[in-house]
Amino acid sequence: MMMGILSRMVPAVALTTAIPGLADRGAFMSINSSLQQIAGGIAAAAAGMIVQQKTEFSPLEHYNTVGNVMVCISILSVLLLYRVSLMVKKKLGEKKV
């Protein structure tokens, strides 16, 4: 799973960095990195609220719910990335004219 997620990061970053102009790219990358860190913290906190353990020696509960949420968010991310891809293609098409 980690290999699959990380292998998708390079094309995603390449697509998102094509959106801002060259002069704004540094600020965009800084804000993008900050948002990624915030999203990671929120995801960890949300997963911590979903997964529970009744006692110290009992198994984790609702761990599968976190997996289902991750699948839904991954599908949403693919759809949003497709939208970004269309925006980049449109922007590159306008530059050629």
PDB file of N, CA and C in Angstrom:
ATOM      1  N   MET A   1       0.824  -1.188   0.000  1.00  0.00           N
ATOM      2  CA  MET A   1       0.000   0.000   0.000  1.00  0.00           C
ATOM      3  C   MET A   1       0.870   1.255   0.000  1.00  0.00           C
ATOM      4  N   MET A   2       1.895   1.265   0.843  1.00  0.00           N
ATOM      5  CA  MET A   2       2.751   2.453   0.902  1.00  0.00           C
ATOM      6  C   MET A   2       3.470   2.677  -0.421  1.00  0.00           C
ATOM      7  N   MET A   3       3.904   1.595  -1.067  1.00  0.00           N
ATOM      8  CA  MET A   3       4.574   1.740  -2.352  1.00  0.00           C
ATOM      9  C   MET A   3       3.615   2.323  -3.388  1.00  0.00           C
ATOM     10  N   GLY A   4       2.376   1.877  -3.363  1.00  0.00           N
ATOM     11  CA  GLY A   4       1.387   2.394  -4.297  1.00  0.00           C
ATOM     12  C   GLY A   4       1.082   3.864  -4.060  1.00  0.00           C
ATOM     13  N   ILE A   5       0.990   4.244  -2.806  1.00  0.00           N
ATOM     14  CA  ILE A   5       0.698   5.638  -2.478  1.00  0.00           C
ATOM     15  C   ILE A   5       1.875   6.529  -2.859  1.00  0.00           C
ATOM     16  N   LEU A   6       3.064   6.125  -2.481  1.00  0.00           N
ATOM     17  CA  LEU A   6       4.233   6.952  -2.760  1.00  0.00           C
ATOM     18  C   LEU A   6       4.553   7.022  -4.248  1.00  0.00           C
ATOM     19  N   SER A   7       4.257   5.968  -5.000  1.00  0.00           N
ATOM     20  CA  SER A   7       4.524   6.009  -6.442  1.00  0.00           C
ATOM     21  C   SER A   7       3.574   6.959  -7.162  1.00  0.00           C
ATOM     22  N   ARG A   8       2.468   7.273  -6.568  1.00  0.00           N
ATOM     23  CA  ARG A   8       1.515   8.222  -7.164  1.00  0.00           C
ATOM     24  C   ARG A   8       1.843   9.664  -6.790  1.00  0.00           C
ATOM     25  N   MET A   9       2.724   9.867  -5.824  1.00  0.00           N
ATOM     26  CA  MET A   9       3.029  11.222  -5.365  1.00  0.00           C
ATOM     27  C   MET A   9       3.763  12.040  -6.421  1.00  0.00           C
ATOM     28  N   VAL A  10       4.705  11.440  -7.138  1.00  0.00           N
ATOM     29  CA  VAL A  10       5.500  12.185  -8.119  1.00  0.00           C
ATOM     30  C   VAL A  10       4.615  12.741  -9.233  1.00  0.00           C
ATOM     31  N   PRO A  11       3.753  11.933  -9.870  1.00  0.00           N
ATOM     32  CA  PRO A  11       2.883  12.516 -10.895  1.00  0.00           C
ATOM     33  C   PRO A  11       1.908  13.554 -10.328  1.00  0.00           C
ATOM     34  N   ALA A  12       1.437  13.317  -9.109  1.00  0.00           N
ATOM     35  CA  ALA A  12       0.505  14.275  -8.510  1.00  0.00           C
ATOM     36  C   ALA A  12       1.184  15.610  -8.252  1.00  0.00           C
ATOM     37  N   VAL A  13       2.401  15.583  -7.738  1.00  0.00           N
ATOM     38  CA  VAL A  13       3.138  16.823  -7.485  1.00  0.00           C
ATOM     39  C   VAL A  13       3.473  17.508  -8.803  1.00  0.00           C
ATOM     40  N   ALA A  14       3.824  16.735  -9.819  1.00  0.00           N
ATOM     41  CA  ALA A  14       4.122  17.325 -11.126  1.00  0.00           C
ATOM     42  C   ALA A  14       2.898  18.029 -11.702  1.00  0.00           C
ATOM     43  N   LEU A  15       1.733  17.424 -11.523  1.00  0.00           N
ATOM     44  CA  LEU A  15       0.506  18.065 -12.022  1.00  0.00           C
ATOM     45  C   LEU A  15       0.173  19.327 -11.237  1.00  0.00           C
ATOM     46  N   THR A  16       0.279  19.263  -9.936  1.00  0.00           N
ATOM     47  CA  THR A  16      -0.119  20.421  -9.133  1.00  0.00           C
ATOM     48  C   THR A  16       0.869  21.573  -9.257  1.00  0.00           C
ATOM     49  N   THR A  17       2.141  21.299  -9.487  1.00  0.00           N
ATOM     50  CA  THR A  17       3.094  22.401  -9.644  1.00  0.00           C
ATOM     51  C   THR A  17       2.980  23.067 -11.001  1.00  0.00           C
ATOM     52  N   ALA A  18       2.274  22.444 -11.936  1.00  0.00           N
ATOM     53  CA  ALA A  18       2.080  23.061 -13.247  1.00  0.00           C
ATOM     54  C   ALA A  18       0.978  24.114 -13.219  1.00  0.00           C
ATOM     55  N   ILE A  19       0.212  24.176 -12.140  1.00  0.00           N
ATOM     56  CA  ILE A  19      -0.912  25.117 -12.077  1.00  0.00           C
ATOM     57  C   ILE A  19      -0.458  26.556 -11.847  1.00  0.00           C
ATOM     58  N   PRO A  20       0.344  26.855 -10.821  1.00  0.00           N
ATOM     59  CA  PRO A  20       0.707  28.261 -10.602  1.00  0.00           C
ATOM     60  C   PRO A  20       1.748  28.734 -11.614  1.00  0.00           C
ATOM     61  N   GLY A  21       1.836  30.049 -11.760  1.00  0.00           N
ATOM     62  CA  GLY A  21       2.857  30.622 -12.621  1.00  0.00           C
ATOM     63  C   GLY A  21       4.229  30.431 -12.012  1.00  0.00           C
ATOM     64  N   LEU A  22       5.257  30.635 -12.821  1.00  0.00           N
ATOM     65  CA  LEU A  22       6.624  30.413 -12.363  1.00  0.00           C
ATOM     66  C   LEU A  22       6.978  31.299 -11.172  1.00  0.00           C
ATOM     67  N   ALA A  23       6.493  32.530 -11.168  1.00  0.00           N
ATOM     68  CA  ALA A  23       6.806  33.462 -10.081  1.00  0.00           C
ATOM     69  C   ALA A  23       6.122  33.064  -8.770  1.00  0.00           C
ATOM     70  N   ASP A  24       5.007  32.379  -8.855  1.00  0.00           N
ATOM     71  CA  ASP A  24       4.241  32.008  -7.662  1.00  0.00           C
ATOM     72  C   ASP A  24       4.492  30.585  -7.198  1.00  0.00           C
ATOM     73  N   ARG A  25       5.348  29.861  -7.881  1.00  0.00           N
ATOM     74  CA  ARG A  25       5.514  28.434  -7.594  1.00  0.00           C
ATOM     75  C   ARG A  25       6.072  28.178  -6.196  1.00  0.00           C
ATOM     76  N   GLY A  26       7.010  28.978  -5.722  1.00  0.00           N
ATOM     77  CA  GLY A  26       7.587  28.779  -4.392  1.00  0.00           C
ATOM     78  C   GLY A  26       6.554  28.946  -3.289  1.00  0.00           C
ATOM     79  N   ALA A  27       5.749  30.000  -3.389  1.00  0.00           N
ATOM     80  CA  ALA A  27       4.695  30.225  -2.395  1.00  0.00           C
ATOM     81  C   ALA A  27       3.661  29.101  -2.456  1.00  0.00           C
ATOM     82  N   PHE A  28       3.336  28.666  -3.664  1.00  0.00           N
ATOM     83  CA  PHE A  28       2.375  27.579  -3.822  1.00  0.00           C
ATOM     84  C   PHE A  28       2.878  26.302  -3.164  1.00  0.00           C
ATOM     85  N   MET A  29       4.148  25.967  -3.395  1.00  0.00           N
ATOM     86  CA  MET A  29       4.710  24.744  -2.818  1.00  0.00           C
ATOM     87  C   MET A  29       4.759  24.823  -1.294  1.00  0.00           C
ATOM     88  N   SER A  30       5.034  26.015  -0.762  1.00  0.00           N
ATOM     89  CA  SER A  30       5.065  26.189   0.686  1.00  0.00           C
ATOM     90  C   SER A  30       3.681  25.975   1.291  1.00  0.00           C
ATOM     91  N   ILE A  31       2.678  26.583   0.696  1.00  0.00           N
ATOM     92  CA  ILE A  31       1.305  26.416   1.182  1.00  0.00           C
ATOM     93  C   ILE A  31       0.852  24.969   1.003  1.00  0.00           C
ATOM     94  N   ASN A  32       1.194  24.364  -0.118  1.00  0.00           N
ATOM     95  CA  ASN A  32       0.830  22.977  -0.385  1.00  0.00           C
ATOM     96  C   ASN A  32       1.435  22.045   0.665  1.00  0.00           C
ATOM     97  N   SER A  33       2.704  22.254   0.992  1.00  0.00           N
ATOM     98  CA  SER A  33       3.362  21.434   2.006  1.00  0.00           C
ATOM     99  C   SER A  33       2.697  21.614   3.370  1.00  0.00           C
ATOM    100  N   SER A  34       2.363  22.848   3.709  1.00  0.00           N
ATOM    101  CA  SER A  34       1.690  23.100   4.985  1.00  0.00           C
ATOM    102  C   SER A  34       0.338  22.399   5.052  1.00  0.00           C
ATOM    103  N   LEU A  35      -0.405  22.466   3.966  1.00  0.00           N
ATOM    104  CA  LEU A  35      -1.714  21.806   3.935  1.00  0.00           C
ATOM    105  C   LEU A  35      -1.577  20.290   4.032  1.00  0.00           C
ATOM    106  N   GLN A  36      -0.539  19.721   3.429  1.00  0.00           N
ATOM    107  CA  GLN A  36      -0.322  18.284   3.536  1.00  0.00           C
ATOM    108  C   GLN A  36      -0.030  17.883   4.980  1.00  0.00           C
ATOM    109  N   GLN A  37       0.769  18.675   5.671  1.00  0.00           N
ATOM    110  CA  GLN A  37       1.085  18.374   7.068  1.00  0.00           C
ATOM    111  C   GLN A  37      -0.148  18.491   7.956  1.00  0.00           C
ATOM    112  N   ILE A  38      -0.947  19.526   7.721  1.00  0.00           N
ATOM    113  CA  ILE A  38      -2.182  19.697   8.493  1.00  0.00           C
ATOM    114  C   ILE A  38      -3.136  18.535   8.229  1.00  0.00           C
ATOM    115  N   ALA A  39      -3.267  18.132   6.958  1.00  0.00           N
ATOM    116  CA  ALA A  39      -4.155  17.023   6.605  1.00  0.00           C
ATOM    117  C   ALA A  39      -3.688  15.728   7.258  1.00  0.00           C
ATOM    118  N   GLY A  40      -2.379  15.508   7.309  1.00  0.00           N
ATOM    119  CA  GLY A  40      -1.855  14.314   7.971  1.00  0.00           C
ATOM    120  C   GLY A  40      -2.183  14.299   9.455  1.00  0.00           C
ATOM    121  N   GLY A  41      -2.077  15.449  10.103  1.00  0.00           N
ATOM    122  CA  GLY A  41      -2.422  15.539  11.520  1.00  0.00           C
ATOM    123  C   GLY A  41      -3.900  15.318  11.772  1.00  0.00           C
ATOM    124  N   ILE A  42      -4.729  15.905  10.933  1.00  0.00           N
ATOM    125  CA  ILE A  42      -6.176  15.724  11.070  1.00  0.00           C
ATOM    126  C   ILE A  42      -6.555  14.264  10.830  1.00  0.00           C
ATOM    127  N   ALA A  43      -5.922  13.638   9.820  1.00  0.00           N
ATOM    128  CA  ALA A  43      -6.215  12.226   9.527  1.00  0.00           C
ATOM    129  C   ALA A  43      -5.817  11.329  10.698  1.00  0.00           C
ATOM    130  N   ALA A  44      -4.669  11.605  11.298  1.00  0.00           N
ATOM    131  CA  ALA A  44      -4.234  10.800  12.445  1.00  0.00           C
ATOM    132  C   ALA A  44      -5.177  10.986  13.632  1.00  0.00           C
ATOM    133  N   ALA A  45      -5.616  12.215  13.860  1.00  0.00           N
ATOM    134  CA  ALA A  45      -6.541  12.472  14.962  1.00  0.00           C
ATOM    135  C   ALA A  45      -7.894  11.795  14.710  1.00  0.00           C
ATOM    136  N   ALA A  46      -8.383  11.888  13.462  1.00  0.00           N
ATOM    137  CA  ALA A  46      -9.667  11.261  13.138  1.00  0.00           C
ATOM    138  C   ALA A  46      -9.581   9.742  13.270  1.00  0.00           C
ATOM    139  N   ALA A  47      -8.482   9.153  12.792  1.00  0.00           N
ATOM    140  CA  ALA A  47      -8.310   7.703  12.915  1.00  0.00           C
ATOM    141  C   ALA A  47      -8.216   7.307  14.384  1.00  0.00           C
ATOM    142  N   GLY A  48      -7.571   8.138  15.191  1.00  0.00           N
ATOM    143  CA  GLY A  48      -7.486   7.863  16.622  1.00  0.00           C
ATOM    144  C   GLY A  48      -8.834   7.905  17.306  1.00  0.00           C
ATOM    145  N   MET A  49      -9.743   8.740  16.807  1.00  0.00           N
ATOM    146  CA  MET A  49     -11.089   8.785  17.396  1.00  0.00           C
ATOM    147  C   MET A  49     -11.948   7.606  16.930  1.00  0.00           C
ATOM    148  N   ILE A  50     -11.671   7.082  15.736  1.00  0.00           N
ATOM    149  CA  ILE A  50     -12.459   5.968  15.214  1.00  0.00           C
ATOM    150  C   ILE A  50     -12.027   4.651  15.852  1.00  0.00           C
ATOM    151  N   VAL A  51     -10.717   4.409  15.876  1.00  0.00           N
ATOM    152  CA  VAL A  51     -10.195   3.153  16.417  1.00  0.00           C
ATOM    153  C   VAL A  51     -10.235   3.212  17.947  1.00  0.00           C
ATOM    154  N   GLN A  52     -10.753   2.171  18.550  1.00  0.00           N
ATOM    155  CA  GLN A  52     -10.869   2.124  20.010  1.00  0.00           C
ATOM    156  C   GLN A  52     -10.340   0.797  20.538  1.00  0.00           C
ATOM    157  N   GLN A  53      -9.985   0.809  21.804  1.00  0.00           N
ATOM    158  CA  GLN A  53      -9.542  -0.401  22.489  1.00  0.00           C
ATOM    159  C   GLN A  53     -10.165  -0.367  23.884  1.00  0.00           C
ATOM    160  N   LYS A  54     -11.031  -1.337  24.171  1.00  0.00           N
ATOM    161  CA  LYS A  54     -11.778  -1.320  25.437  1.00  0.00           C
ATOM    162  C   LYS A  54     -10.866  -1.436  26.648  1.00  0.00           C
ATOM    163  N   THR A  55      -9.953  -2.385  26.590  1.00  0.00           N
ATOM    164  CA  THR A  55      -8.995  -2.543  27.688  1.00  0.00           C
ATOM    165  C   THR A  55      -7.599  -2.622  27.090  1.00  0.00           C
ATOM    166  N   GLU A  56      -6.622  -2.622  27.953  1.00  0.00           N
ATOM    167  CA  GLU A  56      -5.230  -2.657  27.495  1.00  0.00           C
ATOM    168  C   GLU A  56      -4.903  -3.939  26.732  1.00  0.00           C
ATOM    169  N   PHE A  57      -5.597  -5.021  27.040  1.00  0.00           N
ATOM    170  CA  PHE A  57      -5.295  -6.315  26.436  1.00  0.00           C
ATOM    171  C   PHE A  57      -6.327  -6.746  25.392  1.00  0.00           C
ATOM    172  N   SER A  58      -7.331  -5.938  25.130  1.00  0.00           N
ATOM    173  CA  SER A  58      -8.332  -6.298  24.126  1.00  0.00           C
ATOM    174  C   SER A  58      -7.867  -5.843  22.740  1.00  0.00           C
ATOM    175  N   PRO A  59      -8.415  -6.457  21.706  1.00  0.00           N
ATOM    176  CA  PRO A  59      -7.998  -6.068  20.342  1.00  0.00           C
ATOM    177  C   PRO A  59      -8.558  -4.693  19.947  1.00  0.00           C
ATOM    178  N   LEU A  60      -7.946  -4.123  18.919  1.00  0.00           N
ATOM    179  CA  LEU A  60      -8.438  -2.847  18.398  1.00  0.00           C
ATOM    180  C   LEU A  60      -9.787  -3.058  17.726  1.00  0.00           C
ATOM    181  N   GLU A  61     -10.680  -2.114  17.894  1.00  0.00           N
ATOM    182  CA  GLU A  61     -12.009  -2.185  17.281  1.00  0.00           C
ATOM    183  C   GLU A  61     -12.161  -1.058  16.270  1.00  0.00           C
ATOM    184  N   HIS A  62     -12.976  -1.292  15.275  1.00  0.00           N
ATOM    185  CA  HIS A  62     -13.308  -0.318  14.226  1.00  0.00           C
ATOM    186  C   HIS A  62     -12.119   0.018  13.337  1.00  0.00           C
ATOM    187  N   TYR A  63     -11.117  -0.847  13.326  1.00  0.00           N
ATOM    188  CA  TYR A  63      -9.949  -0.618  12.472  1.00  0.00           C
ATOM    189  C   TYR A  63     -10.349  -0.700  11.004  1.00  0.00           C
ATOM    190  N   ASN A  64     -11.313  -1.586  10.697  1.00  0.00           N
ATOM    191  CA  ASN A  64     -11.788  -1.716   9.313  1.00  0.00           C
ATOM    192  C   ASN A  64     -12.520  -0.454   8.850  1.00  0.00           C
ATOM    193  N   THR A  65     -13.117   0.278   9.774  1.00  0.00           N
ATOM    194  CA  THR A  65     -13.795   1.527   9.414  1.00  0.00           C
ATOM    195  C   THR A  65     -12.796   2.544   8.890  1.00  0.00           C
ATOM    196  N   VAL A  66     -11.623   2.597   9.495  1.00  0.00           N
ATOM    197  CA  VAL A  66     -10.577   3.506   9.020  1.00  0.00           C
ATOM    198  C   VAL A  66     -10.182   3.127   7.595  1.00  0.00           C
ATOM    199  N   GLY A  67     -10.091   1.840   7.308  1.00  0.00           N
ATOM    200  CA  GLY A  67      -9.773   1.377   5.955  1.00  0.00           C
ATOM    201  C   GLY A  67     -10.835   1.782   4.954  1.00  0.00           C
ATOM    202  N   ASN A  68     -12.104   1.659   5.340  1.00  0.00           N
ATOM    203  CA  ASN A  68     -13.188   2.063   4.445  1.00  0.00           C
ATOM    204  C   ASN A  68     -13.169   3.569   4.186  1.00  0.00           C
ATOM    205  N   VAL A  69     -12.901   4.343   5.217  1.00  0.00           N
ATOM    206  CA  VAL A  69     -12.800   5.797   5.047  1.00  0.00           C
ATOM    207  C   VAL A  69     -11.640   6.128   4.116  1.00  0.00           C
ATOM    208  N   MET A  70     -10.519   5.421   4.277  1.00  0.00           N
ATOM    209  CA  MET A  70      -9.361   5.658   3.424  1.00  0.00           C
ATOM    210  C   MET A  70      -9.674   5.348   1.956  1.00  0.00           C
ATOM    211  N   VAL A  71     -10.403   4.277   1.702  1.00  0.00           N
ATOM    212  CA  VAL A  71     -10.772   3.927   0.331  1.00  0.00           C
ATOM    213  C   VAL A  71     -11.647   5.028  -0.270  1.00  0.00           C
ATOM    214  N   CYS A  72     -12.613   5.519   0.482  1.00  0.00           N
ATOM    215  CA  CYS A  72     -13.495   6.594  -0.018  1.00  0.00           C
ATOM    216  C   CYS A  72     -12.704   7.868  -0.300  1.00  0.00           C
ATOM    217  N   ILE A  73     -11.803   8.219   0.589  1.00  0.00           N
ATOM    218  CA  ILE A  73     -10.996   9.419   0.390  1.00  0.00           C
ATOM    219  C   ILE A  73     -10.051   9.242  -0.799  1.00  0.00           C
ATOM    220  N   SER A  74      -9.546   8.034  -0.993  1.00  0.00           N
ATOM    221  CA  SER A  74      -8.670   7.769  -2.140  1.00  0.00           C
ATOM    222  C   SER A  74      -9.427   7.930  -3.448  1.00  0.00           C
ATOM    223  N   ILE A  75     -10.651   7.435  -3.501  1.00  0.00           N
ATOM    224  CA  ILE A  75     -11.469   7.589  -4.710  1.00  0.00           C
ATOM    225  C   ILE A  75     -11.752   9.062  -4.964  1.00  0.00           C
ATOM    226  N   LEU A  76     -12.084   9.805  -3.926  1.00  0.00           N
ATOM    227  CA  LEU A  76     -12.310  11.241  -4.068  1.00  0.00           C
ATOM    228  C   LEU A  76     -11.044  11.942  -4.554  1.00  0.00           C
ATOM    229  N   SER A  77      -9.900  11.527  -4.046  1.00  0.00           N
ATOM    230  CA  SER A  77      -8.627  12.131  -4.462  1.00  0.00           C
ATOM    231  C   SER A  77      -8.341  11.868  -5.932  1.00  0.00           C
ATOM    232  N   VAL A  78      -8.636  10.666  -6.402  1.00  0.00           N
ATOM    233  CA  VAL A  78      -8.432  10.354  -7.818  1.00  0.00           C
ATOM    234  C   VAL A  78      -9.318  11.238  -8.688  1.00  0.00           C
ATOM    235  N   LEU A  79     -10.555  11.436  -8.280  1.00  0.00           N
ATOM    236  CA  LEU A  79     -11.454  12.293  -9.051  1.00  0.00           C
ATOM    237  C   LEU A  79     -10.972  13.748  -9.057  1.00  0.00           C
ATOM    238  N   LEU A  80     -10.505  14.221  -7.919  1.00  0.00           N
ATOM    239  CA  LEU A  80      -9.992  15.589  -7.856  1.00  0.00           C
ATOM    240  C   LEU A  80      -8.699  15.736  -8.657  1.00  0.00           C
ATOM    241  N   LEU A  81      -7.865  14.721  -8.646  1.00  0.00           N
ATOM    242  CA  LEU A  81      -6.636  14.767  -9.424  1.00  0.00           C
ATOM    243  C   LEU A  81      -6.939  14.766 -10.918  1.00  0.00           C
ATOM    244  N   TYR A  82      -7.969  14.058 -11.326  1.00  0.00           N
ATOM    245  CA  TYR A  82      -8.392  14.086 -12.726  1.00  0.00           C
ATOM    246  C   TYR A  82      -8.820  15.498 -13.117  1.00  0.00           C
ATOM    247  N   ARG A  83      -9.521  16.158 -12.215  1.00  0.00           N
ATOM    248  CA  ARG A  83      -9.943  17.536 -12.475  1.00  0.00           C
ATOM    249  C   ARG A  83      -8.731  18.463 -12.608  1.00  0.00           C
ATOM    250  N   VAL A  84      -7.744  18.276 -11.742  1.00  0.00           N
ATOM    251  CA  VAL A  84      -6.516  19.070 -11.836  1.00  0.00           C
ATOM    252  C   VAL A  84      -5.812  18.786 -13.159  1.00  0.00           C
ATOM    253  N   SER A  85      -5.795  17.530 -13.574  1.00  0.00           N
ATOM    254  CA  SER A  85      -5.178  17.167 -14.847  1.00  0.00           C
ATOM    255  C   SER A  85      -5.845  17.888 -16.008  1.00  0.00           C
ATOM    256  N   LEU A  86      -7.159  17.979 -15.982  1.00  0.00           N
ATOM    257  CA  LEU A  86      -7.875  18.714 -17.034  1.00  0.00           C
ATOM    258  C   LEU A  86      -7.527  20.192 -17.013  1.00  0.00           C
ATOM    259  N   MET A  87      -7.370  20.757 -15.818  1.00  0.00           N
ATOM    260  CA  MET A  87      -6.996  22.170 -15.703  1.00  0.00           C
ATOM    261  C   MET A  87      -5.606  22.411 -16.278  1.00  0.00           C
ATOM    262  N   VAL A  88      -4.677  21.499 -16.007  1.00  0.00           N
ATOM    263  CA  VAL A  88      -3.308  21.641 -16.519  1.00  0.00           C
ATOM    264  C   VAL A  88      -3.303  21.535 -18.036  1.00  0.00           C
ATOM    265  N   LYS A  89      -4.039  20.574 -18.591  1.00  0.00           N
ATOM    266  CA  LYS A  89      -4.109  20.428 -20.040  1.00  0.00           C
ATOM    267  C   LYS A  89      -4.701  21.683 -20.682  1.00  0.00           C
ATOM    268  N   LYS A  90      -5.720  22.242 -20.061  1.00  0.00           N
ATOM    269  CA  LYS A  90      -6.327  23.455 -20.593  1.00  0.00           C
ATOM    270  C   LYS A  90      -5.329  24.617 -20.547  1.00  0.00           C
ATOM    271  N   LYS A  91      -4.598  24.722 -19.442  1.00  0.00           N
ATOM    272  CA  LYS A  91      -3.630  25.799 -19.300  1.00  0.00           C
ATOM    273  C   LYS A  91      -2.496  25.656 -20.307  1.00  0.00           C
ATOM    274  N   LEU A  92      -2.016  24.438 -20.503  1.00  0.00           N
ATOM    275  CA  LEU A  92      -0.951  24.212 -21.481  1.00  0.00           C
ATOM    276  C   LEU A  92      -1.443  24.441 -22.896  1.00  0.00           C
ATOM    277  N   GLY A  93      -2.695  24.115 -23.156  1.00  0.00           N
ATOM    278  CA  GLY A  93      -3.285  24.358 -24.480  1.00  0.00           C
ATOM    279  C   GLY A  93      -3.399  25.842 -24.785  1.00  0.00           C
ATOM    280  N   GLU A  94      -3.689  26.646 -23.775  1.00  0.00           N
ATOM    281  CA  GLU A  94      -3.794  28.081 -23.964  1.00  0.00           C
ATOM    282  C   GLU A  94      -2.440  28.712 -24.240  1.00  0.00           C
ATOM    283  N   LYS A  95      -1.378  28.182 -23.655  1.00  0.00           N
ATOM    284  CA  LYS A  95      -0.042  28.734 -23.859  1.00  0.00           C
ATOM    285  C   LYS A  95       0.466  28.498 -25.273  1.00  0.00           C
ATOM    286  N   LYS A  96       0.056  27.390 -25.898  1.00  0.00           N
ATOM    287  CA  LYS A  96       0.537  27.066 -27.243  1.00  0.00           C
ATOM    288  C   LYS A  96      -0.046  27.997 -28.296  1.00  0.00           C
ATOM    289  N   VAL A  97      -1.204  28.565 -28.024  1.00  0.00           N
ATOM    290  CA  VAL A  97      -1.886  29.421 -29.008  1.00  0.00           C
ATOM    291  C   VAL A  97      -1.248  30.761 -29.102  1.00  0.00           C
TER     292      VAL A  97
END
